[in-house]
All heavy atoms as atom14 arrays in JSON, in Angstrom:
{
  "sequence": "HVLCEKPFSANVNEAIAAAAAARQAQRQVMEGFMWRFH",
  "atom14_mask": [
    [1, 1, 1, 1, 1, 1, 1, 1, 1, 1, 0, 0, 0, 0],
    [1, 1, 1, 1, 1, 1, 1, 0, 0, 0, 0, 0, 0, 0],
    [1, 1, 1, 1, 1, 1, 1, 1, 0, 0, 0, 0, 0, 0],
    [1, 1, 1, 1, 1, 1, 0, 0, 0, 0, 0, 0, 0, 0],
    [1, 1, 1, 1, 1, 1, 1, 1, 1, 0, 0, 0, 0, 0],
    [1, 1, 1, 1, 1, 1, 1, 1, 1, 0, 0, 0, 0, 0],
    [1, 1, 1, 1, 1, 1, 1, 0, 0, 0, 0, 0, 0, 0],
    [1, 1, 1, 1, 1, 1, 1, 1, 1, 1, 1, 0, 0, 0],
    [1, 1, 1, 1, 1, 1, 0, 0, 0, 0, 0, 0, 0, 0],
    [1, 1, 1, 1, 1, 0, 0, 0, 0, 0, 0, 0, 0, 0],
    [1, 1, 1, 1, 1, 1, 1, 1, 0, 0, 0, 0, 0, 0],
    [1, 1, 1, 1, 1, 1, 1, 0, 0, 0, 0, 0, 0, 0],
    [1, 1, 1, 1, 1, 1, 1, 1, 0, 0, 0, 0, 0, 0],
    [1, 1, 1, 1, 1, 1, 1, 1, 1, 0, 0, 0, 0, 0],
    [1, 1, 1, 1, 1, 0, 0, 0, 0, 0, 0, 0, 0, 0],
    [1, 1, 1, 1, 1, 1, 1, 1, 0, 0, 0, 0, 0, 0],
    [1, 1, 1, 1, 1, 0, 0, 0, 0, 0, 0, 0, 0, 0],
    [1, 1, 1, 1, 1, 0, 0, 0, 0, 0, 0, 0, 0, 0],
    [1, 1, 1, 1, 1, 0, 0, 0, 0, 0, 0, 0, 0, 0],
    [1, 1, 1, 1, 1, 0, 0, 0, 0, 0, 0, 0, 0, 0],
    [1, 1, 1, 1, 1, 0, 0, 0, 0, 0, 0, 0, 0, 0],
    [1, 1, 1, 1, 1, 0, 0, 0, 0, 0, 0, 0, 0, 0],
    [1, 1, 1, 1, 1, 1, 1, 1, 1, 1, 1, 0, 0, 0],
    [1, 1, 1, 1, 1, 1, 1, 1, 1, 0, 0, 0, 0, 0],
    [1, 1, 1, 1, 1, 0, 0, 0, 0, 0, 0, 0, 0, 0],
    [1, 1, 1, 1, 1, 1, 1, 1, 1, 0, 0, 0, 0, 0],
    [1, 1, 1, 1, 1, 1, 1, 1, 1, 1, 1, 0, 0, 0],
    [1, 1, 1, 1, 1, 1, 1, 1, 1, 0, 0, 0, 0, 0],
    [1, 1, 1, 1, 1, 1, 1, 0, 0, 0, 0, 0, 0, 0],
    [1, 1, 1, 1, 1, 1, 1, 1, 0, 0, 0, 0, 0, 0],
    [1, 1, 1, 1, 1, 1, 1, 1, 1, 0, 0, 0, 0, 0],
    [1, 1, 1, 1, 0, 0, 0, 0, 0, 0, 0, 0, 0, 0],
    [1, 1, 1, 1, 1, 1, 1, 1, 1, 1, 1, 0, 0, 0],
    [1, 1, 1, 1, 1, 1, 1, 1, 0, 0, 0, 0, 0, 0],
    [1, 1, 1, 1, 1, 1, 1, 1, 1, 1, 1, 1, 1, 1],
    [1, 1, 1, 1, 1, 1, 1, 1, 1, 1, 1, 0, 0, 0],
    [1, 1, 1, 1, 1, 1, 1, 1, 1, 1, 1, 0, 0, 0],
    [1, 1, 1, 1, 1, 1, 1, 1, 1, 1, 0, 0, 0, 0]
  ],
  "atom14_positions": [
    [[-6.54, -8.04, -3.66], [-5.72, -6.9, -4.03], [-6.24, -5.7, -3.24], [-7.42, -5.66, -2.86], [-5.82, -6.63, -5.53], [-5.41, -7.81, -6.37], [-4.11, -8.09, -6.69], [-6.16, -8.79, -6.94], [-4.05, -9.17, -7.43], [-5.28, -9.63, -7.6], [0.0, 0.0, 0.0], [0.0, 0.0, 0.0], [0.0, 0.0, 0.0], [0.0, 0.0, 0.0]],
    [[-5.37, -4.7, -3.0], [-5.76, -3.6, -2.11], [-5.38, -2.24, -2.67], [-4.22, -2.02, -3.06], [-5.1, -3.77, -0.72], [-5.51, -2.59, 0.2], [-5.49, -5.08, -0.07], [0.0, 0.0, 0.0], [0.0, 0.0, 0.0], [0.0, 0.0, 0.0], [0.0, 0.0, 0.0], [0.0, 0.0, 0.0], [0.0, 0.0, 0.0], [0.0, 0.0, 0.0]],
    [[-6.36, -1.35, -2.7], [-6.12, 0.08, -2.89], [-6.44, 0.74, -1.57], [-7.6, 0.77, -1.14], [-7.0, 0.65, -4.0], [-6.96, 2.17, -4.2], [-5.54, 2.65, -4.49], [-7.89, 2.6, -5.32], [0.0, 0.0, 0.0], [0.0, 0.0, 0.0], [0.0, 0.0, 0.0], [0.0, 0.0, 0.0], [0.0, 0.0, 0.0], [0.0, 0.0, 0.0]],
    [[-5.39, 1.22, -0.89], [-5.55, 1.81, 0.44], [-5.4, 3.32, 0.34], [-4.44, 3.81, -0.25], [-4.51, 1.23, 1.4], [-4.6, 1.9, 3.07], [0.0, 0.0, 0.0], [0.0, 0.0, 0.0], [0.0, 0.0, 0.0], [0.0, 0.0, 0.0], [0.0, 0.0, 0.0], [0.0, 0.0, 0.0], [0.0, 0.0, 0.0], [0.0, 0.0, 0.0]],
    [[-6.32, 4.04, 0.94], [-6.21, 5.5, 0.94], [-4.91, 5.95, 1.62], [-4.36, 5.27, 2.48], [-7.41, 6.13, 1.66], [-8.55, 6.52, 0.74], [-8.11, 7.42, -0.4], [-7.21, 8.27, -0.22], [-8.67, 7.28, -1.5], [0.0, 0.0, 0.0], [0.0, 0.0, 0.0], [0.0, 0.0, 0.0], [0.0, 0.0, 0.0], [0.0, 0.0, 0.0]],
    [[-4.45, 7.12, 1.19], [-3.28, 7.72, 1.82], [-3.63, 8.15, 3.26], [-4.81, 8.4, 3.55], [-2.79, 8.91, 0.99], [-3.86, 9.99, 0.76], [-4.04, 10.86, 1.97], [-5.29, 11.67, 1.94], [-5.59, 12.28, 3.25], [0.0, 0.0, 0.0], [0.0, 0.0, 0.0], [0.0, 0.0, 0.0], [0.0, 0.0, 0.0], [0.0, 0.0, 0.0]],
    [[-2.69, 8.23, 4.16], [-1.36, 7.64, 4.04], [-1.44, 6.12, 4.14], [-2.36, 5.59, 4.76], [-0.6, 8.25, 5.22], [-1.64, 8.44, 6.26], [-2.89, 8.84, 5.51], [0.0, 0.0, 0.0], [0.0, 0.0, 0.0], [0.0, 0.0, 0.0], [0.0, 0.0, 0.0], [0.0, 0.0, 0.0], [0.0, 0.0, 0.0], [0.0, 0.0, 0.0]],
    [[-0.48, 5.45, 3.53], [-0.5, 4.0, 3.46], [-0.52, 3.34, 4.83], [-1.1, 2.26, 5.01], [0.74, 3.55, 2.68], [0.76, 2.09, 2.33], [-0.21, 1.55, 1.5], [1.76, 1.27, 2.81], [-0.17, 0.21, 1.15], [1.8, -0.07, 2.47], [0.83, -0.61, 1.64], [0.0, 0.0, 0.0], [0.0, 0.0, 0.0], [0.0, 0.0, 0.0]],
    [[0.09, 4.0, 5.8], [0.19, 3.43, 7.15], [0.48, 4.55, 8.14], [0.62, 5.71, 7.76], [1.31, 2.38, 7.2], [2.56, 2.97, 6.84], [0.0, 0.0, 0.0], [0.0, 0.0, 0.0], [0.0, 0.0, 0.0], [0.0, 0.0, 0.0], [0.0, 0.0, 0.0], [0.0, 0.0, 0.0], [0.0, 0.0, 0.0], [0.0, 0.0, 0.0]],
    [[0.6, 4.18, 9.4], [0.91, 5.17, 10.44], [2.41, 5.43, 10.54], [2.82, 6.46, 11.06], [0.38, 4.7, 11.79], [0.0, 0.0, 0.0], [0.0, 0.0, 0.0], [0.0, 0.0, 0.0], [0.0, 0.0, 0.0], [0.0, 0.0, 0.0], [0.0, 0.0, 0.0], [0.0, 0.0, 0.0], [0.0, 0.0, 0.0], [0.0, 0.0, 0.0]],
    [[3.23, 4.5, 10.05], [4.69, 4.65, 10.09], [5.32, 3.69, 9.1], [4.64, 2.81, 8.55], [5.24, 4.42, 11.5], [4.82, 3.07, 12.06], [5.16, 2.03, 11.51], [4.05, 3.1, 13.16], [0.0, 0.0, 0.0], [0.0, 0.0, 0.0], [0.0, 0.0, 0.0], [0.0, 0.0, 0.0], [0.0, 0.0, 0.0], [0.0, 0.0, 0.0]],
    [[6.61, 3.83, 8.9], [7.27, 3.03, 7.87], [7.34, 1.56, 8.24], [7.29, 0.68, 7.36], [8.68, 3.59, 7.57], [9.65, 3.31, 8.72], [9.21, 3.01, 6.25], [0.0, 0.0, 0.0], [0.0, 0.0, 0.0], [0.0, 0.0, 0.0], [0.0, 0.0, 0.0], [0.0, 0.0, 0.0], [0.0, 0.0, 0.0], [0.0, 0.0, 0.0]],
    [[7.44, 1.22, 9.52], [7.48, -0.2, 9.9], [6.19, -0.91, 9.51], [6.21, -2.06, 9.05], [7.75, -0.35, 11.39], [9.16, 0.04, 11.78], [10.08, -0.05, 10.95], [9.35, 0.49, 13.0], [0.0, 0.0, 0.0], [0.0, 0.0, 0.0], [0.0, 0.0, 0.0], [0.0, 0.0, 0.0], [0.0, 0.0, 0.0], [0.0, 0.0, 0.0]],
    [[5.06, -0.23, 9.69], [3.79, -0.8, 9.23], [3.77, -0.96, 7.72], [3.26, -1.96, 7.19], [2.62, 0.07, 9.68], [2.33, 0.05, 11.16], [1.07, 0.83, 11.51], [0.48, 1.46, 10.61], [0.69, 0.8, 12.7], [0.0, 0.0, 0.0], [0.0, 0.0, 0.0], [0.0, 0.0, 0.0], [0.0, 0.0, 0.0], [0.0, 0.0, 0.0]],
    [[4.32, 0.02, 7.02], [4.35, -0.04, 5.55], [5.2, -1.21, 5.08], [4.84, -1.92, 4.12], [4.88, 1.27, 4.98], [0.0, 0.0, 0.0], [0.0, 0.0, 0.0], [0.0, 0.0, 0.0], [0.0, 0.0, 0.0], [0.0, 0.0, 0.0], [0.0, 0.0, 0.0], [0.0, 0.0, 0.0], [0.0, 0.0, 0.0], [0.0, 0.0, 0.0]],
    [[6.34, -1.42, 5.73], [7.21, -2.54, 5.37], [6.49, -3.87, 5.59], [6.58, -4.78, 4.77], [8.51, -2.48, 6.2], [9.37, -1.29, 5.74], [9.3, -3.78, 6.07], [10.54, -0.99, 6.63], [0.0, 0.0, 0.0], [0.0, 0.0, 0.0], [0.0, 0.0, 0.0], [0.0, 0.0, 0.0], [0.0, 0.0, 0.0], [0.0, 0.0, 0.0]],
    [[5.75, -3.97, 6.69], [5.0, -5.2, 6.97], [3.93, -5.44, 5.91], [3.71, -6.57, 5.46], [4.38, -5.13, 8.36], [0.0, 0.0, 0.0], [0.0, 0.0, 0.0], [0.0, 0.0, 0.0], [0.0, 0.0, 0.0], [0.0, 0.0, 0.0], [0.0, 0.0, 0.0], [0.0, 0.0, 0.0], [0.0, 0.0, 0.0], [0.0, 0.0, 0.0]],
    [[3.25, -4.38, 5.49], [2.21, -4.51, 4.46], [2.82, -4.89, 3.12], [2.26, -5.72, 2.38], [1.42, -3.21, 4.34], [0.0, 0.0, 0.0], [0.0, 0.0, 0.0], [0.0, 0.0, 0.0], [0.0, 0.0, 0.0], [0.0, 0.0, 0.0], [0.0, 0.0, 0.0], [0.0, 0.0, 0.0], [0.0, 0.0, 0.0], [0.0, 0.0, 0.0]],
    [[3.97, -4.31, 2.79], [4.64, -4.65, 1.53], [5.07, -6.11, 1.54], [4.96, -6.82, 0.52], [5.84, -3.74, 1.31], [0.0, 0.0, 0.0], [0.0, 0.0, 0.0], [0.0, 0.0, 0.0], [0.0, 0.0, 0.0], [0.0, 0.0, 0.0], [0.0, 0.0, 0.0], [0.0, 0.0, 0.0], [0.0, 0.0, 0.0], [0.0, 0.0, 0.0]],
    [[5.56, -6.58, 2.67], [5.95, -7.99, 2.79], [4.73, -8.9, 2.62], [4.81, -9.96, 1.98], [6.62, -8.24, 4.13], [0.0, 0.0, 0.0], [0.0, 0.0, 0.0], [0.0, 0.0, 0.0], [0.0, 0.0, 0.0], [0.0, 0.0, 0.0], [0.0, 0.0, 0.0], [0.0, 0.0, 0.0], [0.0, 0.0, 0.0], [0.0, 0.0, 0.0]],
    [[3.6, -8.49, 3.19], [2.37, -9.27, 3.06], [1.92, -9.33, 1.61], [1.41, -10.37, 1.14], [1.28, -8.67, 3.93], [0.0, 0.0, 0.0], [0.0, 0.0, 0.0], [0.0, 0.0, 0.0], [0.0, 0.0, 0.0], [0.0, 0.0, 0.0], [0.0, 0.0, 0.0], [0.0, 0.0, 0.0], [0.0, 0.0, 0.0], [0.0, 0.0, 0.0]],
    [[2.11, -8.24, 0.87], [1.74, -8.22, -0.55], [2.6, -9.18, -1.35], [2.11, -9.9, -2.23], [1.85, -6.8, -1.09], [0.0, 0.0, 0.0], [0.0, 0.0, 0.0], [0.0, 0.0, 0.0], [0.0, 0.0, 0.0], [0.0, 0.0, 0.0], [0.0, 0.0, 0.0], [0.0, 0.0, 0.0], [0.0, 0.0, 0.0], [0.0, 0.0, 0.0]],
    [[3.9, -9.2, -1.06], [4.8, -10.13, -1.77], [4.43, -11.57, -1.46], [4.38, -12.42, -2.35], [6.25, -9.85, -1.37], [6.8, -8.54, -1.92], [8.31, -8.48, -1.75], [8.69, -8.5, -0.34], [8.83, -7.42, 0.41], [8.57, -6.22, -0.1], [9.2, -7.52, 1.68], [0.0, 0.0, 0.0], [0.0, 0.0, 0.0], [0.0, 0.0, 0.0]],
    [[4.14, -11.85, -0.19], [3.81, -13.21, 0.2], [2.49, -13.66, -0.44], [2.37, -14.8, -0.89], [3.7, -13.32, 1.73], [3.39, -14.72, 2.22], [3.4, -14.81, 3.74], [3.68, -13.84, 4.44], [3.09, -15.98, 4.27], [0.0, 0.0, 0.0], [0.0, 0.0, 0.0], [0.0, 0.0, 0.0], [0.0, 0.0, 0.0], [0.0, 0.0, 0.0]],
    [[1.52, -12.76, -0.49], [0.22, -13.11, -1.05], [0.2, -13.04, -2.58], [-0.75, -13.53, -3.2], [-0.85, -12.16, -0.5], [0.0, 0.0, 0.0], [0.0, 0.0, 0.0], [0.0, 0.0, 0.0], [0.0, 0.0, 0.0], [0.0, 0.0, 0.0], [0.0, 0.0, 0.0], [0.0, 0.0, 0.0], [0.0, 0.0, 0.0], [0.0, 0.0, 0.0]],
    [[1.26, -12.45, -3.16], [1.33, -12.25, -4.61], [0.1, -11.48, -5.1], [-0.55, -11.85, -6.08], [1.48, -13.59, -5.34], [2.75, -14.32, -4.98], [2.94, -15.62, -5.76], [2.32, -15.83, -6.79], [3.78, -16.5, -5.25], [0.0, 0.0, 0.0], [0.0, 0.0, 0.0], [0.0, 0.0, 0.0], [0.0, 0.0, 0.0], [0.0, 0.0, 0.0]],
    [[-0.2, -10.41, -4.37], [-1.3, -9.53, -4.71], [-0.77, -8.1, -4.86], [0.24, -7.74, -4.28], [-2.4, -9.58, -3.65], [-3.13, -10.9, -3.57], [-3.91, -11.18, -4.84], [-4.68, -12.4, -4.79], [-4.24, -13.59, -5.18], [-3.0, -13.72, -5.63], [-5.02, -14.66, -5.13], [0.0, 0.0, 0.0], [0.0, 0.0, 0.0], [0.0, 0.0, 0.0]],
    [[-1.5, -7.3, -5.62], [-1.09, -5.93, -5.84], [-1.65, -5.01, -4.76], [-2.78, -5.2, -4.29], [-1.55, -5.45, -7.22], [-0.89, -6.2, -8.37], [-0.7, -5.32, -9.58], [-0.31, -4.14, -9.48], [-0.94, -5.87, -10.75], [0.0, 0.0, 0.0], [0.0, 0.0, 0.0], [0.0, 0.0, 0.0], [0.0, 0.0, 0.0], [0.0, 0.0, 0.0]],
    [[-0.85, -4.01, -4.41], [-1.23, -3.0, -3.43], [-0.84, -1.64, -3.96], [0.22, -1.47, -4.57], [-0.53, -3.25, -2.08], [-0.81, -2.09, -1.11], [-0.97, -4.55, -1.46], [0.0, 0.0, 0.0], [0.0, 0.0, 0.0], [0.0, 0.0, 0.0], [0.0, 0.0, 0.0], [0.0, 0.0, 0.0], [0.0, 0.0, 0.0], [0.0, 0.0, 0.0]],
    [[-1.69, -0.65, -3.74], [-1.37, 0.72, -4.15], [-1.9, 1.7, -3.12], [-2.98, 1.51, -2.56], [-1.96, 1.03, -5.52], [-1.47, 2.36, -6.11], [-2.01, 2.61, -7.83], [-3.72, 3.08, -7.56], [0.0, 0.0, 0.0], [0.0, 0.0, 0.0], [0.0, 0.0, 0.0], [0.0, 0.0, 0.0], [0.0, 0.0, 0.0], [0.0, 0.0, 0.0]],
    [[-1.12, 2.76, -2.88], [-1.54, 3.85, -2.01], [-2.37, 4.84, -2.83], [-1.99, 5.2, -3.94], [-0.31, 4.54, -1.42], [-0.62, 5.64, -0.43], [0.63, 6.23, 0.21], [1.74, 5.98, -0.33], [0.51, 6.92, 1.23], [0.0, 0.0, 0.0], [0.0, 0.0, 0.0], [0.0, 0.0, 0.0], [0.0, 0.0, 0.0], [0.0, 0.0, 0.0]],
    [[-3.49, 5.28, -2.26], [-4.46, 6.06, -3.01], [-4.16, 7.54, -3.14], [-4.84, 8.36, -2.5], [0.0, 0.0, 0.0], [0.0, 0.0, 0.0], [0.0, 0.0, 0.0], [0.0, 0.0, 0.0], [0.0, 0.0, 0.0], [0.0, 0.0, 0.0], [0.0, 0.0, 0.0], [0.0, 0.0, 0.0], [0.0, 0.0, 0.0], [0.0, 0.0, 0.0]],
    [[-3.19, 7.9, -3.97], [-2.96, 9.31, -4.33], [-3.6, 9.56, -5.69], [-2.98, 9.35, -6.73], [-1.47, 9.63, -4.36], [-0.86, 9.88, -3.01], [0.11, 9.03, -2.52], [-1.27, 10.95, -2.24], [0.68, 9.26, -1.28], [-0.72, 11.19, -0.99], [0.26, 10.34, -0.51], [0.0, 0.0, 0.0], [0.0, 0.0, 0.0], [0.0, 0.0, 0.0]],
    [[-4.83, 10.02, -5.65], [-5.6, 10.17, -6.89], [-5.0, 11.19, -7.84], [-5.17, 11.11, -9.06], [-7.04, 10.53, -6.54], [-7.28, 11.97, -6.1], [-6.42, 12.41, -4.57], [-6.92, 14.12, -4.37], [0.0, 0.0, 0.0], [0.0, 0.0, 0.0], [0.0, 0.0, 0.0], [0.0, 0.0, 0.0], [0.0, 0.0, 0.0], [0.0, 0.0, 0.0]],
    [[-4.31, 12.22, -7.3], [-3.82, 13.31, -8.12], [-2.87, 12.83, -9.21], [-2.77, 13.43, -10.28], [-3.12, 14.37, -7.25], [-1.82, 13.93, -6.63], [-1.65, 13.37, -5.4], [-0.51, 14.01, -7.21], [-0.32, 13.09, -5.17], [0.39, 13.47, -6.28], [-0.02, 14.48, -8.43], [1.76, 13.39, -6.51], [1.34, 14.39, -8.67], [2.22, 13.86, -7.72]],
    [[-2.18, 11.7, -8.95], [-1.18, 11.22, -9.9], [-1.8, 10.76, -11.22], [-1.08, 10.62, -12.22], [-0.4, 10.06, -9.27], [0.37, 10.47, -8.03], [1.31, 9.41, -7.52], [0.66, 8.31, -6.84], [1.27, 7.53, -5.94], [2.55, 7.75, -5.63], [0.64, 6.53, -5.36], [0.0, 0.0, 0.0], [0.0, 0.0, 0.0], [0.0, 0.0, 0.0]],
    [[-3.13, 10.55, -11.23], [-3.77, 10.01, -12.42], [-4.5, 11.08, -13.23], [-5.08, 10.77, -14.27], [-4.73, 8.88, -12.02], [-4.0, 7.77, -11.32], [-3.94, 7.72, -9.93], [-3.33, 6.81, -12.05], [-3.23, 6.72, -9.28], [-2.63, 5.79, -11.41], [-2.57, 5.75, -10.03], [0.0, 0.0, 0.0], [0.0, 0.0, 0.0], [0.0, 0.0, 0.0]],
    [[-4.45, 12.32, -12.77], [-5.12, 13.38, -13.52], [-4.28, 13.77, -14.74], [-3.05, 13.85, -14.64], [-5.36, 14.61, -12.64], [-6.37, 15.54, -13.21], [-6.1, 16.37, -14.27], [-7.68, 15.77, -12.88], [-7.18, 17.07, -14.58], [-8.15, 16.72, -13.75], [0.0, 0.0, 0.0], [0.0, 0.0, 0.0], [0.0, 0.0, 0.0], [0.0, 0.0, 0.0]]
  ]
}
């Protein structure tokens, strides 16, 4: 499983590829915006 610091990627195509990899691996992924949890 992956918690990746922001920004999630350099561009949206990379983000789409990473999201597809998460679905294929059946693992959770989250972009690290810590402020949302305060």
